[in-house]
All heavy atoms as atom14 arrays in JSON, in Angstrom:
{
  "sequence": "MKSLRREMQPVFQDPFAALNPRMKVLDIITEPWAIHG",
  "atom14_mask": [
    [1, 1, 1, 1, 1, 1, 1, 1, 0, 0, 0, 0, 0, 0],
    [1, 1, 1, 1, 1, 1, 1, 1, 1, 0, 0, 0, 0, 0],
    [1, 1, 1, 1, 1, 1, 0, 0, 0, 0, 0, 0, 0, 0],
    [1, 1, 1, 1, 1, 1, 1, 1, 0, 0, 0, 0, 0, 0],
    [1, 1, 1, 1, 1, 1, 1, 1, 1, 1, 1, 0, 0, 0],
    [1, 1, 1, 1, 1, 1, 1, 1, 1, 1, 1, 0, 0, 0],
    [1, 1, 1, 1, 1, 1, 1, 1, 1, 0, 0, 0, 0, 0],
    [1, 1, 1, 1, 1, 1, 1, 1, 0, 0, 0, 0, 0, 0],
    [1, 1, 1, 1, 1, 1, 1, 1, 1, 0, 0, 0, 0, 0],
    [1, 1, 1, 1, 1, 1, 1, 0, 0, 0, 0, 0, 0, 0],
    [1, 1, 1, 1, 1, 1, 1, 0, 0, 0, 0, 0, 0, 0],
    [1, 1, 1, 1, 1, 1, 1, 1, 1, 1, 1, 0, 0, 0],
    [1, 1, 1, 1, 1, 1, 1, 1, 1, 0, 0, 0, 0, 0],
    [1, 1, 1, 1, 1, 1, 1, 1, 0, 0, 0, 0, 0, 0],
    [1, 1, 1, 1, 1, 1, 1, 0, 0, 0, 0, 0, 0, 0],
    [1, 1, 1, 1, 1, 1, 1, 1, 1, 1, 1, 0, 0, 0],
    [1, 1, 1, 1, 1, 0, 0, 0, 0, 0, 0, 0, 0, 0],
    [1, 1, 1, 1, 1, 0, 0, 0, 0, 0, 0, 0, 0, 0],
    [1, 1, 1, 1, 1, 1, 1, 1, 0, 0, 0, 0, 0, 0],
    [1, 1, 1, 1, 1, 1, 1, 1, 0, 0, 0, 0, 0, 0],
    [1, 1, 1, 1, 1, 1, 1, 0, 0, 0, 0, 0, 0, 0],
    [1, 1, 1, 1, 1, 1, 1, 1, 1, 1, 1, 0, 0, 0],
    [1, 1, 1, 1, 1, 1, 1, 1, 0, 0, 0, 0, 0, 0],
    [1, 1, 1, 1, 1, 1, 1, 1, 1, 0, 0, 0, 0, 0],
    [1, 1, 1, 1, 1, 1, 1, 0, 0, 0, 0, 0, 0, 0],
    [1, 1, 1, 1, 1, 1, 1, 1, 0, 0, 0, 0, 0, 0],
    [1, 1, 1, 1, 1, 1, 1, 1, 0, 0, 0, 0, 0, 0],
    [1, 1, 1, 1, 1, 1, 1, 1, 0, 0, 0, 0, 0, 0],
    [1, 1, 1, 1, 1, 1, 1, 1, 0, 0, 0, 0, 0, 0],
    [1, 1, 1, 1, 1, 1, 1, 0, 0, 0, 0, 0, 0, 0],
    [1, 1, 1, 1, 1, 1, 1, 1, 1, 0, 0, 0, 0, 0],
    [1, 1, 1, 1, 1, 1, 1, 0, 0, 0, 0, 0, 0, 0],
    [1, 1, 1, 1, 1, 1, 1, 1, 1, 1, 1, 1, 1, 1],
    [1, 1, 1, 1, 1, 0, 0, 0, 0, 0, 0, 0, 0, 0],
    [1, 1, 1, 1, 1, 1, 1, 1, 0, 0, 0, 0, 0, 0],
    [1, 1, 1, 1, 1, 1, 1, 1, 1, 1, 0, 0, 0, 0],
    [1, 1, 1, 1, 0, 0, 0, 0, 0, 0, 0, 0, 0, 0]
  ],
  "atom14_positions": [
    [[63.2, 79.48, 53.23], [61.81, 79.96, 53.16], [61.11, 79.42, 51.9], [59.97, 79.03, 51.96], [61.78, 81.47, 53.18], [61.96, 82.07, 54.56], [60.78, 81.49, 55.77], [59.15, 81.92, 55.04], [0.0, 0.0, 0.0], [0.0, 0.0, 0.0], [0.0, 0.0, 0.0], [0.0, 0.0, 0.0], [0.0, 0.0, 0.0], [0.0, 0.0, 0.0]],
    [[61.86, 79.39, 50.81], [61.26, 78.86, 49.56], [60.82, 77.4, 49.74], [59.77, 76.97, 49.37], [62.17, 79.0, 48.41], [61.58, 78.59, 47.11], [62.49, 78.81, 45.89], [61.79, 78.44, 44.6], [62.69, 78.69, 43.36], [0.0, 0.0, 0.0], [0.0, 0.0, 0.0], [0.0, 0.0, 0.0], [0.0, 0.0, 0.0], [0.0, 0.0, 0.0]],
    [[61.7, 76.64, 50.42], [61.4, 75.23, 50.65], [60.21, 75.09, 51.6], [59.33, 74.25, 51.39], [62.63, 74.52, 51.24], [62.34, 73.16, 51.59], [0.0, 0.0, 0.0], [0.0, 0.0, 0.0], [0.0, 0.0, 0.0], [0.0, 0.0, 0.0], [0.0, 0.0, 0.0], [0.0, 0.0, 0.0], [0.0, 0.0, 0.0], [0.0, 0.0, 0.0]],
    [[60.16, 75.9, 52.67], [59.09, 75.81, 53.64], [57.77, 76.28, 52.98], [56.7, 75.72, 53.33], [59.4, 76.72, 54.8], [60.49, 76.25, 55.79], [60.81, 77.29, 56.83], [60.08, 74.91, 56.41], [0.0, 0.0, 0.0], [0.0, 0.0, 0.0], [0.0, 0.0, 0.0], [0.0, 0.0, 0.0], [0.0, 0.0, 0.0], [0.0, 0.0, 0.0]],
    [[57.78, 77.15, 52.12], [56.54, 77.64, 51.44], [55.96, 76.55, 50.53], [54.76, 76.57, 50.33], [56.76, 78.9, 50.67], [56.96, 80.13, 51.57], [56.83, 81.42, 50.79], [56.81, 82.59, 51.73], [57.81, 83.42, 51.87], [58.88, 83.35, 51.11], [57.73, 84.42, 52.77], [0.0, 0.0, 0.0], [0.0, 0.0, 0.0], [0.0, 0.0, 0.0]],
    [[56.78, 75.66, 50.09], [56.25, 74.52, 49.37], [55.52, 73.56, 50.27], [54.66, 72.82, 49.84], [57.41, 73.75, 48.61], [57.86, 74.55, 47.43], [58.96, 73.99, 46.6], [59.45, 72.6, 46.86], [60.64, 72.19, 46.55], [61.53, 73.02, 45.97], [61.03, 70.98, 46.8], [0.0, 0.0, 0.0], [0.0, 0.0, 0.0], [0.0, 0.0, 0.0]],
    [[55.88, 73.54, 51.55], [55.33, 72.65, 52.53], [54.01, 73.19, 53.09], [53.22, 72.42, 53.63], [56.29, 72.39, 53.69], [57.67, 71.87, 53.31], [57.6, 70.4, 52.95], [56.63, 69.73, 53.43], [58.54, 69.9, 52.22], [0.0, 0.0, 0.0], [0.0, 0.0, 0.0], [0.0, 0.0, 0.0], [0.0, 0.0, 0.0], [0.0, 0.0, 0.0]],
    [[53.8, 74.54, 52.97], [52.64, 75.19, 53.53], [51.88, 75.94, 52.41], [52.47, 76.77, 51.75], [53.02, 76.21, 54.61], [53.87, 75.68, 55.71], [54.19, 77.05, 56.92], [55.32, 78.08, 55.98], [0.0, 0.0, 0.0], [0.0, 0.0, 0.0], [0.0, 0.0, 0.0], [0.0, 0.0, 0.0], [0.0, 0.0, 0.0], [0.0, 0.0, 0.0]],
    [[50.61, 75.62, 52.27], [49.82, 76.25, 51.2], [48.52, 76.8, 51.83], [47.88, 76.12, 52.61], [49.53, 75.3, 50.09], [50.73, 74.94, 49.25], [51.31, 76.1, 48.48], [50.56, 76.79, 47.72], [52.6, 76.4, 48.66], [0.0, 0.0, 0.0], [0.0, 0.0, 0.0], [0.0, 0.0, 0.0], [0.0, 0.0, 0.0], [0.0, 0.0, 0.0]],
    [[48.1, 78.02, 51.42], [46.86, 78.58, 51.96], [45.67, 78.31, 51.09], [45.83, 78.2, 49.85], [47.19, 80.05, 52.0], [48.09, 80.28, 50.86], [48.84, 79.03, 50.67], [0.0, 0.0, 0.0], [0.0, 0.0, 0.0], [0.0, 0.0, 0.0], [0.0, 0.0, 0.0], [0.0, 0.0, 0.0], [0.0, 0.0, 0.0], [0.0, 0.0, 0.0]],
    [[44.47, 78.3, 51.68], [43.21, 78.37, 50.95], [42.45, 79.48, 51.66], [42.08, 79.37, 52.82], [42.47, 77.02, 50.99], [41.04, 77.19, 50.31], [43.23, 75.93, 50.32], [0.0, 0.0, 0.0], [0.0, 0.0, 0.0], [0.0, 0.0, 0.0], [0.0, 0.0, 0.0], [0.0, 0.0, 0.0], [0.0, 0.0, 0.0], [0.0, 0.0, 0.0]],
    [[42.16, 80.55, 50.91], [41.57, 81.74, 51.54], [40.11, 81.82, 51.41], [39.44, 80.96, 50.81], [42.21, 83.0, 50.87], [43.68, 83.21, 51.25], [44.59, 83.17, 50.19], [44.12, 83.34, 52.52], [45.97, 83.33, 50.43], [45.46, 83.54, 52.78], [46.41, 83.49, 51.75], [0.0, 0.0, 0.0], [0.0, 0.0, 0.0], [0.0, 0.0, 0.0]],
    [[39.55, 82.81, 52.13], [38.08, 82.92, 52.26], [37.33, 83.13, 50.95], [36.33, 82.46, 50.71], [37.76, 84.05, 53.27], [36.29, 84.36, 53.4], [36.04, 85.48, 54.38], [36.98, 86.02, 54.96], [34.83, 85.81, 54.63], [0.0, 0.0, 0.0], [0.0, 0.0, 0.0], [0.0, 0.0, 0.0], [0.0, 0.0, 0.0], [0.0, 0.0, 0.0]],
    [[37.79, 84.07, 50.13], [37.11, 84.49, 48.94], [37.58, 83.71, 47.78], [38.73, 83.93, 47.26], [37.26, 85.95, 48.69], [36.4, 86.48, 47.56], [36.0, 85.64, 46.69], [36.14, 87.68, 47.51], [0.0, 0.0, 0.0], [0.0, 0.0, 0.0], [0.0, 0.0, 0.0], [0.0, 0.0, 0.0], [0.0, 0.0, 0.0], [0.0, 0.0, 0.0]],
    [[36.83, 82.69, 47.26], [37.34, 81.82, 46.19], [37.5, 82.54, 44.88], [38.15, 82.06, 43.98], [36.28, 80.73, 46.13], [35.05, 81.35, 46.6], [35.45, 82.34, 47.67], [0.0, 0.0, 0.0], [0.0, 0.0, 0.0], [0.0, 0.0, 0.0], [0.0, 0.0, 0.0], [0.0, 0.0, 0.0], [0.0, 0.0, 0.0], [0.0, 0.0, 0.0]],
    [[36.85, 83.75, 44.73], [36.98, 84.45, 43.45], [38.2, 85.36, 43.47], [38.96, 85.43, 42.56], [35.76, 85.24, 43.16], [35.72, 85.86, 41.72], [35.65, 85.05, 40.65], [35.85, 87.22, 41.54], [35.65, 85.53, 39.35], [35.87, 87.74, 40.31], [35.79, 86.92, 39.18], [0.0, 0.0, 0.0], [0.0, 0.0, 0.0], [0.0, 0.0, 0.0]],
    [[38.37, 86.13, 44.62], [39.51, 87.03, 44.72], [40.84, 86.3, 44.68], [41.86, 86.87, 44.28], [39.37, 87.87, 46.02], [0.0, 0.0, 0.0], [0.0, 0.0, 0.0], [0.0, 0.0, 0.0], [0.0, 0.0, 0.0], [0.0, 0.0, 0.0], [0.0, 0.0, 0.0], [0.0, 0.0, 0.0], [0.0, 0.0, 0.0], [0.0, 0.0, 0.0]],
    [[40.88, 85.02, 45.09], [42.09, 84.31, 45.13], [42.56, 83.75, 43.76], [43.68, 83.26, 43.68], [41.95, 83.11, 46.1], [0.0, 0.0, 0.0], [0.0, 0.0, 0.0], [0.0, 0.0, 0.0], [0.0, 0.0, 0.0], [0.0, 0.0, 0.0], [0.0, 0.0, 0.0], [0.0, 0.0, 0.0], [0.0, 0.0, 0.0], [0.0, 0.0, 0.0]],
    [[41.68, 83.91, 42.78], [41.96, 83.38, 41.47], [42.18, 84.56, 40.47], [41.34, 85.43, 40.42], [40.86, 82.44, 40.91], [40.59, 81.19, 41.79], [39.37, 80.48, 41.25], [41.81, 80.3, 41.82], [0.0, 0.0, 0.0], [0.0, 0.0, 0.0], [0.0, 0.0, 0.0], [0.0, 0.0, 0.0], [0.0, 0.0, 0.0], [0.0, 0.0, 0.0]],
    [[43.23, 84.51, 39.64], [43.47, 85.54, 38.63], [42.41, 85.38, 37.54], [42.33, 84.39, 36.85], [44.83, 85.35, 38.04], [45.22, 86.54, 37.1], [44.43, 87.15, 36.47], [46.49, 86.83, 37.02], [0.0, 0.0, 0.0], [0.0, 0.0, 0.0], [0.0, 0.0, 0.0], [0.0, 0.0, 0.0], [0.0, 0.0, 0.0], [0.0, 0.0, 0.0]],
    [[41.53, 86.42, 37.37], [40.44, 86.33, 36.45], [40.86, 86.19, 34.95], [40.09, 85.76, 34.11], [39.59, 87.58, 36.64], [40.59, 88.53, 37.24], [41.53, 87.74, 38.06], [0.0, 0.0, 0.0], [0.0, 0.0, 0.0], [0.0, 0.0, 0.0], [0.0, 0.0, 0.0], [0.0, 0.0, 0.0], [0.0, 0.0, 0.0], [0.0, 0.0, 0.0]],
    [[42.12, 86.58, 34.72], [42.63, 86.55, 33.32], [43.25, 85.2, 32.96], [43.53, 84.99, 31.75], [43.65, 87.67, 33.12], [43.09, 89.06, 33.26], [44.16, 90.14, 32.96], [43.65, 91.47, 33.07], [43.6, 92.15, 34.17], [44.07, 91.63, 35.3], [43.07, 93.36, 34.22], [0.0, 0.0, 0.0], [0.0, 0.0, 0.0], [0.0, 0.0, 0.0]],
    [[43.44, 84.35, 33.99], [44.09, 83.07, 33.71], [43.1, 81.97, 33.58], [42.04, 82.0, 34.25], [45.06, 82.78, 34.88], [46.28, 83.7, 34.95], [47.27, 83.37, 36.44], [48.0, 81.76, 35.99], [0.0, 0.0, 0.0], [0.0, 0.0, 0.0], [0.0, 0.0, 0.0], [0.0, 0.0, 0.0], [0.0, 0.0, 0.0], [0.0, 0.0, 0.0]],
    [[43.39, 81.03, 32.69], [42.61, 79.82, 32.61], [42.93, 78.93, 33.74], [44.03, 78.95, 34.39], [42.85, 79.14, 31.25], [42.3, 79.88, 30.08], [42.54, 79.09, 28.79], [41.95, 79.86, 27.61], [42.19, 79.12, 26.35], [0.0, 0.0, 0.0], [0.0, 0.0, 0.0], [0.0, 0.0, 0.0], [0.0, 0.0, 0.0], [0.0, 0.0, 0.0]],
    [[42.07, 77.99, 34.08], [42.25, 77.05, 35.17], [43.51, 76.24, 35.03], [44.27, 76.04, 35.95], [41.02, 76.13, 35.33], [41.3, 75.02, 36.32], [39.83, 76.96, 35.78], [0.0, 0.0, 0.0], [0.0, 0.0, 0.0], [0.0, 0.0, 0.0], [0.0, 0.0, 0.0], [0.0, 0.0, 0.0], [0.0, 0.0, 0.0], [0.0, 0.0, 0.0]],
    [[43.83, 75.86, 33.8], [45.08, 75.12, 33.59], [46.29, 75.91, 34.02], [47.21, 75.35, 34.72], [45.25, 74.77, 32.11], [46.59, 74.12, 31.67], [46.72, 72.76, 32.39], [46.63, 73.96, 30.15], [0.0, 0.0, 0.0], [0.0, 0.0, 0.0], [0.0, 0.0, 0.0], [0.0, 0.0, 0.0], [0.0, 0.0, 0.0], [0.0, 0.0, 0.0]],
    [[46.36, 77.18, 33.72], [47.48, 78.02, 34.13], [47.47, 78.25, 35.58], [48.54, 78.36, 36.19], [47.43, 79.36, 33.35], [47.52, 79.13, 31.82], [48.34, 78.28, 31.42], [46.77, 79.77, 31.12], [0.0, 0.0, 0.0], [0.0, 0.0, 0.0], [0.0, 0.0, 0.0], [0.0, 0.0, 0.0], [0.0, 0.0, 0.0], [0.0, 0.0, 0.0]],
    [[46.33, 78.41, 36.22], [46.22, 78.65, 37.65], [46.8, 77.46, 38.43], [47.53, 77.62, 39.38], [44.73, 78.91, 38.05], [44.28, 80.27, 37.53], [44.51, 78.78, 39.54], [42.78, 80.52, 37.66], [0.0, 0.0, 0.0], [0.0, 0.0, 0.0], [0.0, 0.0, 0.0], [0.0, 0.0, 0.0], [0.0, 0.0, 0.0], [0.0, 0.0, 0.0]],
    [[46.39, 76.24, 38.04], [46.8, 75.06, 38.76], [48.28, 74.76, 38.56], [48.94, 74.26, 39.45], [45.92, 73.89, 38.39], [44.48, 74.09, 38.92], [46.45, 72.57, 38.96], [43.53, 73.05, 38.57], [0.0, 0.0, 0.0], [0.0, 0.0, 0.0], [0.0, 0.0, 0.0], [0.0, 0.0, 0.0], [0.0, 0.0, 0.0], [0.0, 0.0, 0.0]],
    [[48.78, 75.01, 37.35], [50.18, 74.68, 37.07], [51.15, 75.8, 37.45], [52.37, 75.52, 37.44], [50.37, 74.34, 35.57], [49.98, 75.49, 34.8], [49.53, 73.12, 35.13], [0.0, 0.0, 0.0], [0.0, 0.0, 0.0], [0.0, 0.0, 0.0], [0.0, 0.0, 0.0], [0.0, 0.0, 0.0], [0.0, 0.0, 0.0], [0.0, 0.0, 0.0]],
    [[50.66, 76.94, 37.82], [51.52, 78.04, 38.25], [52.44, 77.69, 39.37], [53.66, 78.07, 39.33], [50.7, 79.31, 38.59], [51.52, 80.5, 38.93], [50.66, 81.71, 39.25], [49.58, 81.5, 39.84], [51.07, 82.83, 38.9], [0.0, 0.0, 0.0], [0.0, 0.0, 0.0], [0.0, 0.0, 0.0], [0.0, 0.0, 0.0], [0.0, 0.0, 0.0]],
    [[52.02, 76.97, 40.41], [52.99, 76.65, 41.5], [54.17, 75.81, 40.99], [55.29, 76.0, 41.49], [52.13, 75.79, 42.47], [50.72, 76.33, 42.23], [50.68, 76.55, 40.74], [0.0, 0.0, 0.0], [0.0, 0.0, 0.0], [0.0, 0.0, 0.0], [0.0, 0.0, 0.0], [0.0, 0.0, 0.0], [0.0, 0.0, 0.0], [0.0, 0.0, 0.0]],
    [[53.98, 74.93, 40.0], [55.06, 74.12, 39.46], [56.06, 74.98, 38.77], [57.3, 74.79, 38.85], [54.53, 73.04, 38.54], [53.72, 72.03, 39.27], [53.88, 71.49, 40.49], [52.52, 71.42, 38.8], [52.93, 70.58, 40.84], [52.06, 70.53, 39.81], [51.76, 71.53, 37.62], [50.94, 69.73, 39.63], [50.59, 70.73, 37.48], [50.22, 69.86, 38.47]],
    [[55.55, 76.0, 38.02], [56.47, 76.96, 37.34], [57.25, 77.71, 38.35], [58.47, 77.93, 38.16], [55.65, 77.86, 36.41], [0.0, 0.0, 0.0], [0.0, 0.0, 0.0], [0.0, 0.0, 0.0], [0.0, 0.0, 0.0], [0.0, 0.0, 0.0], [0.0, 0.0, 0.0], [0.0, 0.0, 0.0], [0.0, 0.0, 0.0], [0.0, 0.0, 0.0]],
    [[56.65, 78.27, 39.36], [57.26, 79.12, 40.36], [58.37, 78.36, 41.11], [59.47, 78.88, 41.37], [56.25, 79.73, 41.35], [55.35, 80.69, 40.63], [57.0, 80.36, 42.56], [54.17, 81.16, 41.49], [0.0, 0.0, 0.0], [0.0, 0.0, 0.0], [0.0, 0.0, 0.0], [0.0, 0.0, 0.0], [0.0, 0.0, 0.0], [0.0, 0.0, 0.0]],
    [[58.09, 77.16, 41.43], [59.01, 76.37, 42.28], [59.92, 75.43, 41.45], [60.61, 74.56, 42.09], [58.23, 75.54, 43.31], [57.65, 76.44, 44.44], [58.36, 76.82, 45.51], [56.41, 77.07, 44.49], [57.56, 77.59, 46.28], [56.43, 77.71, 45.67], [0.0, 0.0, 0.0], [0.0, 0.0, 0.0], [0.0, 0.0, 0.0], [0.0, 0.0, 0.0]],
    [[59.93, 75.57, 40.18], [60.79, 74.8, 39.38], [60.48, 73.37, 39.3], [61.34, 72.53, 39.08], [0.0, 0.0, 0.0], [0.0, 0.0, 0.0], [0.0, 0.0, 0.0], [0.0, 0.0, 0.0], [0.0, 0.0, 0.0], [0.0, 0.0, 0.0], [0.0, 0.0, 0.0], [0.0, 0.0, 0.0], [0.0, 0.0, 0.0], [0.0, 0.0, 0.0]]
  ]
}
């Protein structure tokens, strides 16, 4: 499942709710690399 989730990524309806308001854009974009090693 972890491998498959790297193959499938969502883009949701509300572009504000999908982003952590406390994080900078750099951290938001690089977060998937940290999660998946």
